[in-house]
Amino acid sequence: MKYISLITLLYFILFQSCVISEDLNQNPQIITITNTVTNTVIDTLEIIVYDDTFTVQELESVPLYKKITTPLFAHYKTFYQTPNISGYWGGHWTWPNSNPEIIIDNQRRQVSSNYYPIIGLYDSSDPFYLEYTMLTMKLAGFDGLIIGYYGNTDYLDYKTLLDNTDLTIEWAKKVGLKYAFLYETYVSEVIAENFLDEIKRMF
């Protein structure tokens, strides 16, 4: 296969009166750079197109070797939403008066957070985010996560949080992370009425 640098390609186009033509009906595809003044071929580029279909094979999770045997858990929240996944900016990105549609320094969005995710603003129900997060936690040495739990009532956004919690548990199990639940004191009254049903549903 023959390659041509991007700088060389731009030079030909900008300064050598060249045109680029390509034949997409063959494999390898041939891209031809032609001088329009002399009508001569300056260079060609072959691109081999491979079949882009593939099969995903899920493997069983394996334990990681750790020198420190004390279990390490992280407090985990499931209450973030973004328009590309959930269709709207969740309140925990916008509260109390932030607007993620406003772009501030370094192309960051305005959010109600002292820290900004290096992966950008994420959605707690995004399967790609969940896979990335659970794998990152495991590779970082965490044994599990403590999920902020708000019950199965339809109060405020609790139903959404419940759905996101179920998705989080699914991915935690896939990578071999343990999980526990944290009942926030300020929502204990809301979920107390259905406590036994909650326990049965979770286990």
Protein backbone atom coordinates (compact mmCIF):
# COMPACT_ATOMS: atom_id res chain seq x y z
CA MET A 1 0.00 0.00 0.00
CA LYS A 2 1.27 3.48 -0.85
CA TYR A 3 0.79 6.45 1.44
CA ILE A 4 1.02 10.20 0.89
CA SER A 5 1.31 12.69 3.74
CA LEU A 6 -1.51 15.13 4.45
CA ILE A 7 0.89 18.07 4.14
CA THR A 8 1.99 16.89 0.70
CA LEU A 9 -1.61 16.42 -0.32
CA LEU A 10 -2.55 19.95 0.78
CA TYR A 11 0.49 21.36 -1.00
CA PHE A 12 -0.55 19.75 -4.26
CA ILE A 13 -4.10 21.04 -3.95
CA LEU A 14 -3.21 24.61 -2.92
CA PHE A 15 -0.15 25.34 -5.01
CA GLN A 16 0.01 22.89 -7.90
CA SER A 17 -3.44 23.34 -9.49
CA CYS A 18 -4.40 19.77 -8.74
CA VAL A 19 -7.65 17.86 -8.52
CA ILE A 20 -8.38 14.64 -6.69
CA SER A 21 -10.49 11.87 -8.16
CA GLU A 22 -11.36 8.54 -6.61
CA ASP A 23 -12.81 5.27 -7.76
CA LEU A 24 -15.00 3.88 -4.99
CA ASN A 25 -16.19 0.88 -6.96
CA GLN A 26 -13.06 -1.16 -6.57
CA ASN A 27 -11.03 -2.52 -3.72
CA PRO A 28 -8.41 -1.30 -3.13
CA GLN A 29 -9.85 2.13 -3.86
CA ILE A 30 -7.60 4.34 -5.98
CA ILE A 31 -7.31 8.07 -5.26
CA THR A 32 -5.58 9.93 -8.09
CA ILE A 33 -3.97 13.39 -7.84
CA THR A 34 -3.85 15.07 -11.24
CA ASN A 35 -2.16 18.30 -12.30
CA THR A 36 -4.84 20.30 -14.13
CA VAL A 37 -2.28 22.35 -16.08
CA THR A 38 -0.32 19.50 -17.62
CA ASN A 39 -3.08 16.92 -17.21
CA THR A 40 -0.59 14.48 -15.76
CA VAL A 41 -0.98 12.18 -12.80
CA ILE A 42 1.19 13.36 -9.91
CA ASP A 43 0.53 10.57 -7.47
CA THR A 44 -1.93 7.86 -6.52
CA LEU A 45 -3.07 6.54 -3.18
CA GLU A 46 -4.40 3.06 -2.63
CA ILE A 47 -6.87 2.46 0.20
CA ILE A 48 -7.82 -1.07 1.10
CA VAL A 49 -11.33 -1.29 2.49
CA TYR A 50 -11.90 -4.17 4.87
CA ASP A 51 -15.21 -5.66 5.85
CA ASP A 52 -16.38 -3.52 8.77
CA THR A 53 -18.57 -6.20 10.33
CA PHE A 54 -17.39 -7.85 13.50
CA THR A 55 -18.66 -10.01 16.32
CA VAL A 56 -18.50 -8.91 19.94
CA GLN A 57 -17.45 -11.71 22.26
CA GLU A 58 -18.16 -11.18 25.94
CA LEU A 59 -15.63 -12.76 28.28
CA GLU A 60 -15.98 -13.70 31.94
CA SER A 61 -14.57 -11.16 34.36
CA VAL A 62 -11.38 -12.06 36.20
CA PRO A 63 -10.08 -10.82 39.56
CA LEU A 64 -7.17 -8.38 39.61
CA TYR A 65 -4.13 -8.92 41.78
CA LYS A 66 -3.93 -6.33 44.57
CA LYS A 67 -1.25 -5.91 47.21
CA ILE A 68 -3.73 -4.18 49.53
CA THR A 69 -6.48 -6.60 50.53
CA THR A 70 -8.72 -4.06 52.28
CA PRO A 71 -11.88 -3.73 50.18
CA LEU A 72 -12.11 -0.40 48.38
CA PHE A 73 -15.53 0.96 47.39
CA ALA A 74 -16.50 4.23 45.70
CA HIS A 75 -19.65 6.26 46.33
CA TYR A 76 -21.50 6.30 43.02
CA LYS A 77 -24.34 8.52 41.79
CA THR A 78 -26.69 7.71 38.91
CA PHE A 79 -28.43 11.03 38.36
CA TYR A 80 -26.82 12.60 35.26
CA GLN A 81 -28.60 13.10 31.93
CA THR A 82 -27.52 14.58 28.59
CA PRO A 83 -29.59 15.50 25.51
CA ASN A 84 -27.90 12.99 23.19
CA ILE A 85 -28.98 10.07 25.42
CA SER A 86 -31.94 11.14 27.56
CA GLY A 87 -33.13 14.06 25.47
CA TYR A 88 -32.47 16.76 28.08
CA TRP A 89 -29.89 18.14 30.49
CA GLY A 90 -30.49 16.59 33.89
CA GLY A 91 -30.94 18.79 36.92
CA HIS A 92 -27.68 17.68 38.48
CA TRP A 93 -25.78 19.25 35.58
CA THR A 94 -27.86 22.42 35.66
CA TRP A 95 -28.68 22.98 39.34
CA PRO A 96 -29.10 25.63 40.63
CA ASN A 97 -28.54 28.06 37.75
CA SER A 98 -26.06 26.53 35.31
CA ASN A 99 -26.72 26.13 31.61
CA PRO A 100 -24.65 23.47 29.79
CA GLU A 101 -25.55 25.08 26.47
CA ILE A 102 -23.26 27.95 27.44
CA ILE A 103 -19.66 27.26 26.40
CA ILE A 104 -17.02 28.81 28.66
CA ASP A 105 -13.21 28.63 28.82
CA ASN A 106 -11.41 25.79 27.04
CA GLN A 107 -14.61 24.72 25.29
CA ARG A 108 -16.14 23.49 28.53
CA ARG A 109 -19.85 23.66 29.18
CA GLN A 110 -21.24 25.57 32.12
CA VAL A 111 -22.24 22.99 34.74
CA SER A 112 -22.91 22.93 38.47
CA SER A 113 -19.70 21.13 39.42
CA ASN A 114 -16.35 22.08 40.90
CA TYR A 115 -14.72 19.52 38.62
CA TYR A 116 -15.12 18.81 34.93
CA PRO A 117 -15.04 15.23 33.56
CA ILE A 118 -12.10 14.59 31.25
CA ILE A 119 -14.47 12.49 29.11
CA GLY A 120 -16.96 15.34 28.86
CA LEU A 121 -20.47 15.49 30.29
CA TYR A 122 -21.92 12.00 30.52
CA ASP A 123 -25.29 10.34 30.91
CA SER A 124 -25.74 7.77 33.67
CA SER A 125 -27.79 5.54 31.35
CA ASP A 126 -25.30 5.55 28.47
CA PRO A 127 -24.05 1.95 28.01
CA PHE A 128 -20.72 3.15 26.59
CA TYR A 129 -20.19 5.38 29.62
CA LEU A 130 -21.17 2.58 32.00
CA GLU A 131 -18.79 0.11 30.37
CA TYR A 132 -15.96 2.65 30.46
CA THR A 133 -16.62 3.62 34.09
CA MET A 134 -16.94 0.12 35.48
CA LEU A 135 -13.81 -1.08 33.68
CA THR A 136 -11.86 2.01 34.79
CA MET A 137 -12.91 1.49 38.40
CA LYS A 138 -11.84 -2.13 38.33
CA LEU A 139 -8.49 -1.41 36.68
CA ALA A 140 -7.92 1.36 39.24
CA GLY A 141 -8.19 -1.21 42.03
CA PHE A 142 -11.74 -0.65 43.28
CA ASP A 143 -13.59 -3.69 44.54
CA GLY A 144 -17.05 -2.24 44.17
CA LEU A 145 -19.32 0.76 44.38
CA ILE A 146 -21.82 2.14 46.87
CA ILE A 147 -24.80 3.34 44.87
CA GLY A 148 -26.90 6.22 46.15
CA TYR A 149 -30.34 4.63 46.23
CA TYR A 150 -33.68 6.43 46.20
CA GLY A 151 -36.20 3.62 46.04
CA ASN A 152 -38.76 2.64 43.42
CA THR A 153 -41.29 5.41 43.91
CA ASP A 154 -42.27 7.84 41.18
CA TYR A 155 -41.31 10.84 43.30
CA LEU A 156 -39.23 13.56 41.60
CA ASP A 157 -36.66 11.76 39.38
CA TYR A 158 -36.51 8.60 41.51
CA LYS A 159 -37.90 6.38 38.75
CA THR A 160 -35.10 7.50 36.41
CA LEU A 161 -32.55 6.90 39.14
CA LEU A 162 -33.95 3.42 39.67
CA ASP A 163 -33.59 2.61 35.96
CA ASN A 164 -30.04 3.93 35.96
CA THR A 165 -29.25 1.93 39.09
CA ASP A 166 -30.40 -1.27 37.41
CA LEU A 167 -28.16 -0.50 34.42
CA THR A 168 -25.22 0.26 36.70
CA ILE A 169 -25.64 -3.04 38.56
CA GLU A 170 -25.79 -4.91 35.26
CA TRP A 171 -22.43 -3.48 34.17
CA ALA A 172 -20.88 -3.87 37.62
CA LYS A 173 -21.68 -7.57 37.48
CA LYS A 174 -20.22 -7.88 33.99
CA VAL A 175 -16.81 -6.63 35.06
CA GLY A 176 -16.84 -8.35 38.45
CA LEU A 177 -17.45 -5.39 40.78
CA LYS A 178 -19.44 -5.72 43.98
CA TYR A 179 -22.10 -3.22 44.94
CA ALA A 180 -23.96 -1.91 47.96
CA PHE A 181 -26.67 0.68 48.52
CA LEU A 182 -26.66 3.94 50.40
CA TYR A 183 -30.02 5.20 51.61
CA GLU A 184 -29.87 8.97 51.84
CA THR A 185 -31.38 10.20 55.11
CA TYR A 186 -33.47 12.88 53.46
CA VAL A 187 -35.29 10.35 51.28
CA SER A 188 -35.69 7.66 53.93
CA GLU A 189 -39.25 8.71 54.71
CA VAL A 190 -40.22 8.40 51.05
CA ILE A 191 -38.94 4.85 50.70
CA ALA A 192 -39.69 3.61 54.21
CA GLU A 193 -43.25 2.64 53.29
CA ASN A 194 -42.01 0.20 50.64
CA PHE A 195 -38.86 -0.93 52.42
CA LEU A 196 -39.62 -4.66 52.45
CA ASP A 197 -40.67 -4.58 48.81
CA GLU A 198 -37.43 -2.75 48.03
CA ILE A 199 -35.32 -5.45 49.66
CA LYS A 200 -37.16 -8.22 47.86
CA ARG A 201 -36.78 -6.48 44.50
CA MET A 202 -33.05 -5.90 44.91
CA PHE A 203 -32.14 -9.37 46.13
